[in-house]
Amino acid sequence: MNGKLQQKTISKAFPIDRTAFEIIILSLLGAFAIVLRAKLRIPLQMPGHHGLEVMAILLIGRNMSKIPIASSISTFVAALFILFPFIGFKDPFLPIIYILMGVTIDFTYKYFKQYRANIIFFALLGGIAYMVIPLSRILIHFTTGYPYQSLIKGGYIYPVISHFIFGVAGAVLAAGVIYSTKKILKH
């Protein structure tokens, strides 16, 4: 040995360091969240109903990673996928909104470390992060005049509350998956 520290690898057969592996997994989760959202075009006429699956996927990734900007990585990849025309998103501001959502998750996760294991905090984190979507749309609507159908149909309050509720539900789903996975891995 030459006295230099060796990089930790996942395994001898798959020599990739943990950080690179986490970035790949987080990128796949971000892509999966958008592809799933695009394919689940269920006309519920409820703004924010995709918060259930999107927040669950993003928060599972955030929880499993040691990278401080884990959600930002996932949402950046999600934003790139939103730009593909065949995915079917028409909102030109949605990639930026998704990145803001990831930054919100990472910021909250970093500065409120003591509450990470608290299910209520975790649920509020999901609700607040997913609420970034309608709040950003309201700001965009007032500054640019861009017409959002959810704001036209439901006003300004209903989409915010609806996104919050579905974000909370997605976070609770993520917490259940995380708890169950940890319990299974302990046995």
N, C-alpha and C. Protein backbone atom coordinates (compact mmCIF):
# COMPACT_ATOMS: atom_id res chain seq x y z
N MET A 1 0.84 -1.17 0.00
CA MET A 1 0.00 0.00 0.00
C MET A 1 0.89 1.24 0.00
N ASN A 2 0.40 2.28 -0.63
CA ASN A 2 1.19 3.49 -0.78
C ASN A 2 0.83 4.58 0.23
N GLY A 3 0.00 4.26 1.21
CA GLY A 3 -0.36 5.24 2.23
C GLY A 3 -1.57 6.08 1.88
N LYS A 4 -2.10 5.94 0.65
CA LYS A 4 -3.30 6.69 0.24
C LYS A 4 -4.54 5.90 0.66
N LEU A 5 -5.56 6.65 1.00
CA LEU A 5 -6.82 6.00 1.36
C LEU A 5 -7.48 5.44 0.10
N GLN A 6 -7.99 4.25 0.21
CA GLN A 6 -8.69 3.63 -0.90
C GLN A 6 -10.15 4.07 -0.88
N GLN A 7 -10.73 4.25 -2.08
CA GLN A 7 -12.14 4.60 -2.14
C GLN A 7 -12.97 3.41 -1.72
N LYS A 8 -14.05 3.69 -1.00
CA LYS A 8 -14.96 2.61 -0.65
C LYS A 8 -15.78 2.26 -1.88
N THR A 9 -15.94 0.98 -2.12
CA THR A 9 -16.71 0.53 -3.26
C THR A 9 -17.92 -0.26 -2.78
N ILE A 10 -18.87 -0.39 -3.66
CA ILE A 10 -20.06 -1.16 -3.32
C ILE A 10 -19.70 -2.64 -3.21
N SER A 11 -18.92 -3.14 -4.14
CA SER A 11 -18.45 -4.51 -4.09
C SER A 11 -17.23 -4.64 -5.00
N LYS A 12 -16.54 -5.76 -4.87
CA LYS A 12 -15.37 -6.00 -5.72
C LYS A 12 -15.79 -6.21 -7.17
N ALA A 13 -16.96 -6.81 -7.38
CA ALA A 13 -17.42 -7.09 -8.74
C ALA A 13 -17.95 -5.82 -9.42
N PHE A 14 -18.38 -4.86 -8.64
CA PHE A 14 -18.98 -3.64 -9.19
C PHE A 14 -18.24 -2.46 -8.58
N PRO A 15 -17.04 -2.15 -9.08
CA PRO A 15 -16.20 -1.13 -8.43
C PRO A 15 -16.66 0.30 -8.72
N ILE A 16 -17.62 0.75 -7.96
CA ILE A 16 -18.10 2.12 -8.08
C ILE A 16 -18.25 2.66 -6.65
N ASP A 17 -17.81 3.88 -6.43
CA ASP A 17 -17.88 4.38 -5.07
C ASP A 17 -19.33 4.71 -4.68
N ARG A 18 -19.56 4.79 -3.39
CA ARG A 18 -20.93 4.93 -2.87
C ARG A 18 -21.60 6.22 -3.36
N THR A 19 -20.88 7.31 -3.42
CA THR A 19 -21.47 8.58 -3.86
C THR A 19 -21.95 8.48 -5.30
N ALA A 20 -21.13 7.92 -6.18
CA ALA A 20 -21.54 7.76 -7.58
C ALA A 20 -22.75 6.85 -7.68
N PHE A 21 -22.77 5.79 -6.88
CA PHE A 21 -23.90 4.86 -6.88
C PHE A 21 -25.17 5.58 -6.42
N GLU A 22 -25.06 6.39 -5.36
CA GLU A 22 -26.22 7.14 -4.87
C GLU A 22 -26.72 8.13 -5.92
N ILE A 23 -25.82 8.79 -6.61
CA ILE A 23 -26.23 9.74 -7.65
C ILE A 23 -26.98 9.02 -8.76
N ILE A 24 -26.52 7.85 -9.14
CA ILE A 24 -27.21 7.06 -10.17
C ILE A 24 -28.60 6.68 -9.69
N ILE A 25 -28.71 6.19 -8.46
CA ILE A 25 -30.01 5.79 -7.90
C ILE A 25 -30.94 7.00 -7.80
N LEU A 26 -30.43 8.13 -7.31
CA LEU A 26 -31.26 9.34 -7.19
C LEU A 26 -31.72 9.83 -8.56
N SER A 27 -30.85 9.73 -9.55
CA SER A 27 -31.22 10.13 -10.92
C SER A 27 -32.31 9.22 -11.46
N LEU A 28 -32.18 7.93 -11.22
CA LEU A 28 -33.21 6.98 -11.67
C LEU A 28 -34.54 7.24 -10.96
N LEU A 29 -34.48 7.57 -9.68
CA LEU A 29 -35.72 7.88 -8.95
C LEU A 29 -36.39 9.13 -9.50
N GLY A 30 -35.61 10.16 -9.82
CA GLY A 30 -36.18 11.38 -10.40
C GLY A 30 -36.83 11.11 -11.75
N ALA A 31 -36.15 10.32 -12.58
CA ALA A 31 -36.71 9.97 -13.89
C ALA A 31 -37.97 9.13 -13.71
N PHE A 32 -37.92 8.19 -12.78
CA PHE A 32 -39.08 7.33 -12.53
C PHE A 32 -40.29 8.14 -12.06
N ALA A 33 -40.05 9.11 -11.18
CA ALA A 33 -41.15 9.94 -10.66
C ALA A 33 -41.87 10.67 -11.80
N ILE A 34 -41.10 11.21 -12.74
CA ILE A 34 -41.72 11.96 -13.84
C ILE A 34 -42.39 11.04 -14.85
N VAL A 35 -41.75 9.94 -15.18
CA VAL A 35 -42.35 9.00 -16.13
C VAL A 35 -43.64 8.43 -15.54
N LEU A 36 -43.63 8.09 -14.26
CA LEU A 36 -44.83 7.59 -13.61
C LEU A 36 -45.93 8.65 -13.61
N ARG A 37 -45.55 9.88 -13.29
CA ARG A 37 -46.54 10.97 -13.29
C ARG A 37 -47.11 11.18 -14.68
N ALA A 38 -46.28 11.09 -15.70
CA ALA A 38 -46.75 11.28 -17.07
C ALA A 38 -47.67 10.14 -17.52
N LYS A 39 -47.38 8.93 -17.08
CA LYS A 39 -48.17 7.77 -17.50
C LYS A 39 -49.47 7.64 -16.72
N LEU A 40 -49.52 8.16 -15.52
CA LEU A 40 -50.74 8.09 -14.71
C LEU A 40 -51.60 9.33 -14.95
N ARG A 41 -52.09 9.46 -16.11
CA ARG A 41 -52.94 10.61 -16.46
C ARG A 41 -54.39 10.30 -16.09
N ILE A 42 -54.63 10.20 -14.81
CA ILE A 42 -55.97 9.91 -14.31
C ILE A 42 -56.70 11.23 -14.12
N PRO A 43 -57.81 11.43 -14.83
CA PRO A 43 -58.51 12.73 -14.74
C PRO A 43 -59.35 12.86 -13.47
N LEU A 44 -58.72 13.05 -12.35
CA LEU A 44 -59.44 13.18 -11.08
C LEU A 44 -60.02 14.57 -10.86
N GLN A 45 -59.56 15.54 -11.63
CA GLN A 45 -59.98 16.93 -11.46
C GLN A 45 -59.66 17.44 -10.05
N MET A 46 -58.54 16.94 -9.52
CA MET A 46 -58.07 17.38 -8.20
C MET A 46 -56.62 17.82 -8.36
N PRO A 47 -56.36 19.10 -8.21
CA PRO A 47 -54.97 19.54 -8.36
C PRO A 47 -54.07 18.91 -7.30
N GLY A 48 -52.91 18.45 -7.74
CA GLY A 48 -51.92 17.92 -6.82
C GLY A 48 -52.01 16.44 -6.54
N HIS A 49 -52.92 15.71 -7.22
CA HIS A 49 -53.09 14.30 -6.88
C HIS A 49 -51.86 13.45 -7.19
N HIS A 50 -50.94 13.96 -7.97
CA HIS A 50 -49.70 13.22 -8.23
C HIS A 50 -48.70 13.38 -7.09
N GLY A 51 -49.02 14.18 -6.11
CA GLY A 51 -48.16 14.34 -4.95
C GLY A 51 -47.97 13.04 -4.19
N LEU A 52 -48.94 12.17 -4.27
CA LEU A 52 -48.85 10.89 -3.59
C LEU A 52 -47.63 10.10 -4.06
N GLU A 53 -47.53 9.88 -5.36
CA GLU A 53 -46.41 9.08 -5.86
C GLU A 53 -45.12 9.89 -5.97
N VAL A 54 -45.20 11.15 -6.39
CA VAL A 54 -43.99 11.95 -6.59
C VAL A 54 -43.28 12.19 -5.26
N MET A 55 -44.01 12.62 -4.23
CA MET A 55 -43.37 12.88 -2.95
C MET A 55 -42.88 11.59 -2.30
N ALA A 56 -43.61 10.50 -2.48
CA ALA A 56 -43.15 9.23 -1.92
C ALA A 56 -41.80 8.84 -2.52
N ILE A 57 -41.68 8.94 -3.83
CA ILE A 57 -40.44 8.57 -4.50
C ILE A 57 -39.30 9.50 -4.10
N LEU A 58 -39.55 10.80 -4.12
CA LEU A 58 -38.49 11.77 -3.79
C LEU A 58 -38.03 11.65 -2.34
N LEU A 59 -38.96 11.44 -1.43
CA LEU A 59 -38.59 11.36 -0.02
C LEU A 59 -37.93 10.03 0.34
N ILE A 60 -38.28 8.97 -0.35
CA ILE A 60 -37.57 7.71 -0.16
C ILE A 60 -36.12 7.90 -0.59
N GLY A 61 -35.91 8.53 -1.73
CA GLY A 61 -34.56 8.81 -2.19
C GLY A 61 -33.81 9.72 -1.24
N ARG A 62 -34.46 10.76 -0.74
CA ARG A 62 -33.83 11.69 0.19
C ARG A 62 -33.41 10.97 1.47
N ASN A 63 -34.26 10.08 1.94
CA ASN A 63 -33.98 9.38 3.19
C ASN A 63 -32.86 8.36 3.06
N MET A 64 -32.76 7.69 1.91
CA MET A 64 -31.75 6.65 1.76
C MET A 64 -30.36 7.19 1.46
N SER A 65 -30.27 8.46 1.05
CA SER A 65 -29.01 9.01 0.61
C SER A 65 -28.31 9.81 1.71
N LYS A 66 -26.99 9.79 1.65
CA LYS A 66 -26.19 10.60 2.57
C LYS A 66 -25.73 11.90 1.89
N ILE A 67 -26.04 12.07 0.62
CA ILE A 67 -25.66 13.27 -0.12
C ILE A 67 -26.57 14.42 0.33
N PRO A 68 -26.00 15.56 0.72
CA PRO A 68 -26.82 16.67 1.22
C PRO A 68 -27.80 17.24 0.19
N ILE A 69 -27.52 17.08 -1.09
CA ILE A 69 -28.40 17.63 -2.13
C ILE A 69 -29.12 16.51 -2.89
N ALA A 70 -29.48 15.46 -2.18
CA ALA A 70 -30.09 14.28 -2.81
C ALA A 70 -31.38 14.61 -3.57
N SER A 71 -32.28 15.34 -2.95
CA SER A 71 -33.55 15.67 -3.61
C SER A 71 -33.33 16.62 -4.78
N SER A 72 -32.35 17.50 -4.66
CA SER A 72 -32.05 18.40 -5.77
C SER A 72 -31.54 17.62 -6.98
N ILE A 73 -30.76 16.58 -6.74
CA ILE A 73 -30.30 15.72 -7.83
C ILE A 73 -31.48 15.04 -8.50
N SER A 74 -32.36 14.44 -7.69
CA SER A 74 -33.53 13.75 -8.23
C SER A 74 -34.44 14.70 -9.02
N THR A 75 -34.70 15.87 -8.46
CA THR A 75 -35.60 16.79 -9.14
C THR A 75 -34.95 17.45 -10.36
N PHE A 76 -33.63 17.58 -10.36
CA PHE A 76 -32.94 18.09 -11.55
C PHE A 76 -33.10 17.11 -12.71
N VAL A 77 -32.92 15.83 -12.43
CA VAL A 77 -33.12 14.81 -13.48
C VAL A 77 -34.59 14.78 -13.89
N ALA A 78 -35.49 14.91 -12.93
CA ALA A 78 -36.92 14.98 -13.25
C ALA A 78 -37.20 16.17 -14.16
N ALA A 79 -36.58 17.31 -13.87
CA ALA A 79 -36.75 18.51 -14.69
C ALA A 79 -36.24 18.28 -16.11
N LEU A 80 -35.14 17.57 -16.24
CA LEU A 80 -34.64 17.25 -17.59
C LEU A 80 -35.64 16.39 -18.35
N PHE A 81 -36.24 15.42 -17.67
CA PHE A 81 -37.22 14.56 -18.32
C PHE A 81 -38.49 15.32 -18.69
N ILE A 82 -38.86 16.31 -17.89
CA ILE A 82 -40.03 17.13 -18.20
C ILE A 82 -39.84 17.84 -19.54
N LEU A 83 -38.61 18.17 -19.87
CA LEU A 83 -38.33 18.90 -21.11
C LEU A 83 -38.52 18.06 -22.37
N PHE A 84 -38.51 16.72 -22.24
CA PHE A 84 -38.72 15.87 -23.42
C PHE A 84 -40.15 16.03 -23.92
N PRO A 85 -40.33 16.38 -25.19
CA PRO A 85 -41.69 16.61 -25.69
C PRO A 85 -42.59 15.37 -25.64
N PHE A 86 -42.04 14.18 -25.79
CA PHE A 86 -42.86 12.97 -25.80
C PHE A 86 -43.39 12.60 -24.42
N ILE A 87 -42.89 13.23 -23.35
CA ILE A 87 -43.40 12.98 -22.00
C ILE A 87 -44.78 13.63 -21.85
N GLY A 88 -44.99 14.77 -22.48
CA GLY A 88 -46.32 15.36 -22.53
C GLY A 88 -46.62 16.51 -21.60
N PHE A 89 -45.63 17.12 -20.98
CA PHE A 89 -45.88 18.26 -20.11
C PHE A 89 -45.86 19.54 -20.93
N LYS A 90 -46.82 20.42 -20.67
CA LYS A 90 -46.93 21.65 -21.45
C LYS A 90 -46.49 22.90 -20.68
N ASP A 91 -46.36 22.78 -19.36
CA ASP A 91 -46.00 23.91 -18.51
C ASP A 91 -44.51 24.23 -18.69
N PRO A 92 -44.18 25.38 -19.27
CA PRO A 92 -42.77 25.71 -19.49
C PRO A 92 -41.99 26.00 -18.21
N PHE A 93 -42.70 26.26 -17.12
CA PHE A 93 -42.05 26.60 -15.85
C PHE A 93 -41.90 25.39 -14.93
N LEU A 94 -42.50 24.26 -15.28
CA LEU A 94 -42.50 23.10 -14.40
C LEU A 94 -41.10 22.58 -14.07
N PRO A 95 -40.13 22.56 -15.00
CA PRO A 95 -38.78 22.11 -14.61
C PRO A 95 -38.18 22.96 -13.48
N ILE A 96 -38.35 24.26 -13.56
CA ILE A 96 -37.82 25.14 -12.52
C ILE A 96 -38.56 24.90 -11.20
N ILE A 97 -39.86 24.70 -11.28
CA ILE A 97 -40.65 24.45 -10.08
C ILE A 97 -40.20 23.16 -9.41
N TYR A 98 -39.93 22.13 -10.21
CA TYR A 98 -39.47 20.86 -9.63
C TYR A 98 -38.12 21.02 -8.94
N ILE A 99 -37.22 21.77 -9.55
CA ILE A 99 -35.92 22.00 -8.92
C ILE A 99 -36.11 22.75 -7.60
N LEU A 100 -36.99 23.73 -7.57
CA LEU A 100 -37.29 24.44 -6.31
C LEU A 100 -37.85 23.50 -5.25
N MET A 101 -38.65 22.55 -5.68
CA MET A 101 -39.20 21.57 -4.75
C MET A 101 -38.07 20.73 -4.14
N GLY A 102 -37.11 20.30 -4.95
CA GLY A 102 -35.97 19.54 -4.44
C GLY A 102 -35.11 20.34 -3.49
N VAL A 103 -34.90 21.60 -3.82
CA VAL A 103 -34.11 22.48 -2.95
C VAL A 103 -34.84 22.66 -1.61
N THR A 104 -36.15 22.79 -1.65
CA THR A 104 -36.94 22.93 -0.43
C THR A 104 -36.79 21.70 0.46
N ILE A 105 -36.87 20.53 -0.13
CA ILE A 105 -36.71 19.29 0.64
C ILE A 105 -35.32 19.24 1.26
N ASP A 106 -34.29 19.49 0.46
CA ASP A 106 -32.91 19.42 0.96
C ASP A 106 -32.65 20.45 2.06
N PHE A 107 -33.12 21.66 1.86
CA PHE A 107 -32.93 22.72 2.85
C PHE A 107 -33.59 22.33 4.17
N THR A 108 -34.84 21.90 4.10
CA THR A 108 -35.58 21.52 5.29
C THR A 108 -34.94 20.31 5.97
N TYR A 109 -34.53 19.35 5.17
CA TYR A 109 -33.92 18.13 5.70
C TYR A 109 -32.60 18.44 6.40
N LYS A 110 -31.85 19.40 5.87
CA LYS A 110 -30.55 19.74 6.45
C LYS A 110 -30.68 20.54 7.74
N TYR A 111 -31.55 21.52 7.75
CA TYR A 111 -31.61 22.44 8.88
C TYR A 111 -32.57 22.02 9.99
N PHE A 112 -33.29 20.94 9.80
CA PHE A 112 -34.17 20.43 10.85
C PHE A 112 -33.85 18.96 11.12
N LYS A 113 -32.56 18.68 11.33
CA LYS A 113 -32.08 17.31 11.53
C LYS A 113 -32.76 16.61 12.71
N GLN A 114 -33.02 17.35 13.76
CA GLN A 114 -33.56 16.75 14.97
C GLN A 114 -34.97 16.19 14.76
N TYR A 115 -35.66 16.60 13.71
CA TYR A 115 -37.03 16.16 13.48
C TYR A 115 -37.17 15.10 12.39
N ARG A 116 -36.06 14.66 11.81
CA ARG A 116 -36.12 13.70 10.70
C ARG A 116 -36.89 12.43 11.02
N ALA A 117 -36.73 11.91 12.21
CA ALA A 117 -37.38 10.65 12.58
C ALA A 117 -38.83 10.86 13.00
N ASN A 118 -39.26 12.08 13.13
CA ASN A 118 -40.62 12.40 13.55
C ASN A 118 -41.56 12.31 12.35
N ILE A 119 -42.56 11.45 12.42
CA ILE A 119 -43.49 11.23 11.30
C ILE A 119 -44.28 12.50 10.97
N ILE A 120 -44.61 13.28 11.98
CA ILE A 120 -45.37 14.51 11.73
C ILE A 120 -44.52 15.50 10.94
N PHE A 121 -43.25 15.65 11.35
CA PHE A 121 -42.34 16.53 10.61
C PHE A 121 -42.16 16.03 9.18
N PHE A 122 -41.96 14.73 9.03
CA PHE A 122 -41.74 14.15 7.71
C PHE A 122 -42.96 14.40 6.82
N ALA A 123 -44.16 14.25 7.39
CA ALA A 123 -45.38 14.50 6.64
C ALA A 123 -45.50 15.98 6.26
N LEU A 124 -45.18 16.86 7.20
CA LEU A 124 -45.21 18.30 6.90
C LEU A 124 -44.18 18.66 5.84
N LEU A 125 -43.03 18.02 5.88
CA LEU A 125 -42.00 18.24 4.87
C LEU A 125 -42.55 17.92 3.48
N GLY A 126 -43.21 16.78 3.36
CA GLY A 126 -43.80 16.41 2.07
C GLY A 126 -44.87 17.38 1.62
N GLY A 127 -45.72 17.81 2.55
CA GLY A 127 -46.78 18.75 2.20
C GLY A 127 -46.25 20.11 1.79
N ILE A 128 -45.29 20.61 2.53
CA ILE A 128 -44.72 21.93 2.22
C ILE A 128 -43.95 21.88 0.90
N ALA A 129 -43.18 20.82 0.71
CA ALA A 129 -42.40 20.71 -0.52
C ALA A 129 -43.30 20.62 -1.75
N TYR A 130 -44.38 19.85 -1.66
CA TYR A 130 -45.26 19.73 -2.82
C TYR A 130 -46.12 20.98 -3.01
N MET A 131 -46.30 21.73 -1.94
CA MET A 131 -47.05 22.98 -2.02
C MET A 131 -46.26 24.06 -2.78
N VAL A 132 -44.97 23.82 -2.99
CA VAL A 132 -44.15 24.74 -3.79
C VAL A 132 -44.73 24.88 -5.20
N ILE A 133 -45.34 23.81 -5.71
CA ILE A 133 -45.88 23.85 -7.07
C ILE A 133 -46.97 24.91 -7.21
N PRO A 134 -48.07 24.85 -6.43
CA PRO A 134 -49.09 25.89 -6.63
C PRO A 134 -48.64 27.29 -6.21
N LEU A 135 -47.80 27.37 -5.18
CA LEU A 135 -47.32 28.69 -4.77
C LEU A 135 -46.46 29.33 -5.86
N SER A 136 -45.63 28.52 -6.51
CA SER A 136 -44.84 29.03 -7.64
C SER A 136 -45.74 29.42 -8.80
N ARG A 137 -46.75 28.60 -9.05
CA ARG A 137 -47.67 28.91 -10.15
C ARG A 137 -48.45 30.20 -9.90
N ILE A 138 -48.82 30.44 -8.66
CA ILE A 138 -49.51 31.69 -8.33
C ILE A 138 -48.58 32.87 -8.58
N LEU A 139 -47.34 32.75 -8.15
CA LEU A 139 -46.35 33.80 -8.38
C LEU A 139 -46.13 34.02 -9.88
N ILE A 140 -45.99 32.94 -10.62
CA ILE A 140 -45.79 33.04 -12.08
C ILE A 140 -47.02 33.66 -12.74
N HIS A 141 -48.19 33.24 -12.28
CA HIS A 141 -49.44 33.77 -12.84
C HIS A 141 -49.54 35.29 -12.64
N PHE A 142 -49.19 35.74 -11.45
CA PHE A 142 -49.28 37.18 -11.18
C PHE A 142 -48.19 37.99 -11.87
N THR A 143 -47.03 37.39 -12.06
CA THR A 143 -45.93 38.15 -12.68
C THR A 143 -45.92 38.07 -14.20
N THR A 144 -46.37 36.95 -14.76
CA THR A 144 -46.32 36.80 -16.24
C THR A 144 -47.69 36.74 -16.88
N GLY A 145 -48.71 36.42 -16.11
CA GLY A 145 -50.04 36.26 -16.68
C GLY A 145 -50.28 34.89 -17.28
N TYR A 146 -49.33 33.96 -17.09
CA TYR A 146 -49.47 32.61 -17.64
C TYR A 146 -50.72 31.96 -17.05
N PRO A 147 -51.63 31.45 -17.90
CA PRO A 147 -52.90 30.90 -17.39
C PRO A 147 -52.78 29.43 -16.96
N TYR A 148 -52.83 29.18 -15.70
CA TYR A 148 -52.83 27.81 -15.18
C TYR A 148 -54.27 27.36 -14.99
N GLN A 149 -54.60 26.20 -15.57
CA GLN A 149 -55.97 25.69 -15.48
C GLN A 149 -56.39 25.42 -14.03
N SER A 150 -55.46 24.91 -13.22
CA SER A 150 -55.82 24.61 -11.83
C SER A 150 -56.19 25.89 -11.07
N LEU A 151 -55.55 27.00 -11.41
CA LEU A 151 -55.88 28.27 -10.76
C LEU A 151 -57.17 28.86 -11.31
N ILE A 152 -57.41 28.65 -12.59
CA ILE A 152 -58.63 29.16 -13.21
C ILE A 152 -59.85 28.40 -12.68
N LYS A 153 -59.73 27.07 -12.59
CA LYS A 153 -60.85 26.23 -12.14
C LYS A 153 -61.08 26.30 -10.63
N GLY A 154 -59.98 26.27 -9.86
CA GLY A 154 -60.12 26.12 -8.41
C GLY A 154 -59.76 27.33 -7.58
N GLY A 155 -59.42 28.42 -8.24
CA GLY A 155 -59.00 29.60 -7.47
C GLY A 155 -57.58 29.44 -6.97
N TYR A 156 -57.23 30.19 -5.95
CA TYR A 156 -55.86 30.18 -5.45
C TYR A 156 -55.70 29.31 -4.19
N ILE A 157 -56.70 29.19 -3.39
CA ILE A 157 -56.58 28.48 -2.12
C ILE A 157 -56.70 26.97 -2.31
N TYR A 158 -57.69 26.52 -3.07
CA TYR A 158 -57.93 25.09 -3.24
C TYR A 158 -56.71 24.33 -3.77
N PRO A 159 -56.02 24.81 -4.82
CA PRO A 159 -54.83 24.08 -5.29
C PRO A 159 -53.72 24.00 -4.23
N VAL A 160 -53.55 25.05 -3.45
CA VAL A 160 -52.52 25.05 -2.41
C VAL A 160 -52.85 23.99 -1.36
N ILE A 161 -54.08 23.98 -0.89
CA ILE A 161 -54.49 23.01 0.13
C ILE A 161 -54.43 21.59 -0.43
N SER A 162 -54.90 21.41 -1.64
CA SER A 162 -54.91 20.09 -2.28
C SER A 162 -53.49 19.55 -2.48
N HIS A 163 -52.58 20.38 -2.95
CA HIS A 163 -51.19 19.95 -3.10
C HIS A 163 -50.58 19.60 -1.74
N PHE A 164 -50.89 20.39 -0.74
CA PHE A 164 -50.37 20.11 0.60
C PHE A 164 -50.86 18.74 1.09
N ILE A 165 -52.14 18.48 0.95
CA ILE A 165 -52.71 17.21 1.43
C ILE A 165 -52.09 16.02 0.70
N PHE A 166 -51.97 16.11 -0.62
CA PHE A 166 -51.38 14.99 -1.37
C PHE A 166 -49.88 14.85 -1.09
N GLY A 167 -49.20 15.96 -0.84
CA GLY A 167 -47.79 15.90 -0.45
C GLY A 167 -47.62 15.21 0.90
N VAL A 168 -48.50 15.52 1.85
CA VAL A 168 -48.48 14.87 3.16
C VAL A 168 -48.74 13.38 2.99
N ALA A 169 -49.73 13.02 2.17
CA ALA A 169 -50.04 11.60 1.93
C ALA A 169 -48.85 10.87 1.31
N GLY A 170 -48.17 11.51 0.37
CA GLY A 170 -46.99 10.91 -0.24
C GLY A 170 -45.86 10.72 0.77
N ALA A 171 -45.70 11.69 1.67
CA ALA A 171 -44.67 11.57 2.71
C ALA A 171 -44.99 10.46 3.69
N VAL A 172 -46.26 10.31 4.04
CA VAL A 172 -46.67 9.23 4.94
C VAL A 172 -46.44 7.88 4.27
N LEU A 173 -46.75 7.79 2.99
CA LEU A 173 -46.47 6.57 2.22
C LEU A 173 -44.97 6.27 2.23
N ALA A 174 -44.16 7.29 1.98
CA ALA A 174 -42.70 7.12 2.00
C ALA A 174 -42.22 6.67 3.37
N ALA A 175 -42.75 7.26 4.43
CA ALA A 175 -42.36 6.88 5.80
C ALA A 175 -42.71 5.42 6.06
N GLY A 176 -43.86 4.99 5.59
CA GLY A 176 -44.26 3.59 5.75
C GLY A 176 -43.33 2.64 5.03
N VAL A 177 -42.96 3.00 3.81
CA VAL A 177 -42.03 2.17 3.03
C VAL A 177 -40.66 2.13 3.70
N ILE A 178 -40.18 3.28 4.15
CA ILE A 178 -38.87 3.37 4.81
C ILE A 178 -38.87 2.54 6.09
N TYR A 179 -39.90 2.70 6.90
CA TYR A 179 -40.00 1.97 8.17
C TYR A 179 -40.05 0.46 7.91
N SER A 180 -40.89 0.05 6.96
CA SER A 180 -41.03 -1.38 6.65
C SER A 180 -39.73 -1.97 6.12
N THR A 181 -39.05 -1.23 5.27
CA THR A 181 -37.78 -1.70 4.71
C THR A 181 -36.73 -1.86 5.80
N LYS A 182 -36.64 -0.88 6.69
CA LYS A 182 -35.67 -0.97 7.79
C LYS A 182 -35.98 -2.14 8.70
N LYS A 183 -37.25 -2.37 8.95
CA LYS A 183 -37.66 -3.48 9.83
C LYS A 183 -37.33 -4.82 9.18
N ILE A 184 -37.57 -4.93 7.87
CA ILE A 184 -37.26 -6.17 7.15
C ILE A 184 -35.76 -6.41 7.12
N LEU A 185 -34.97 -5.37 6.90
CA LEU A 185 -33.52 -5.52 6.82
C LEU A 185 -32.88 -5.86 8.16
N LYS A 186 -33.54 -5.52 9.26
CA LYS A 186 -33.00 -5.84 10.58
C LYS A 186 -33.13 -7.32 10.88
N HIS A 187 -34.12 -7.99 10.29
CA HIS A 187 -34.35 -9.41 10.57
C HIS A 187 -33.54 -10.27 9.71
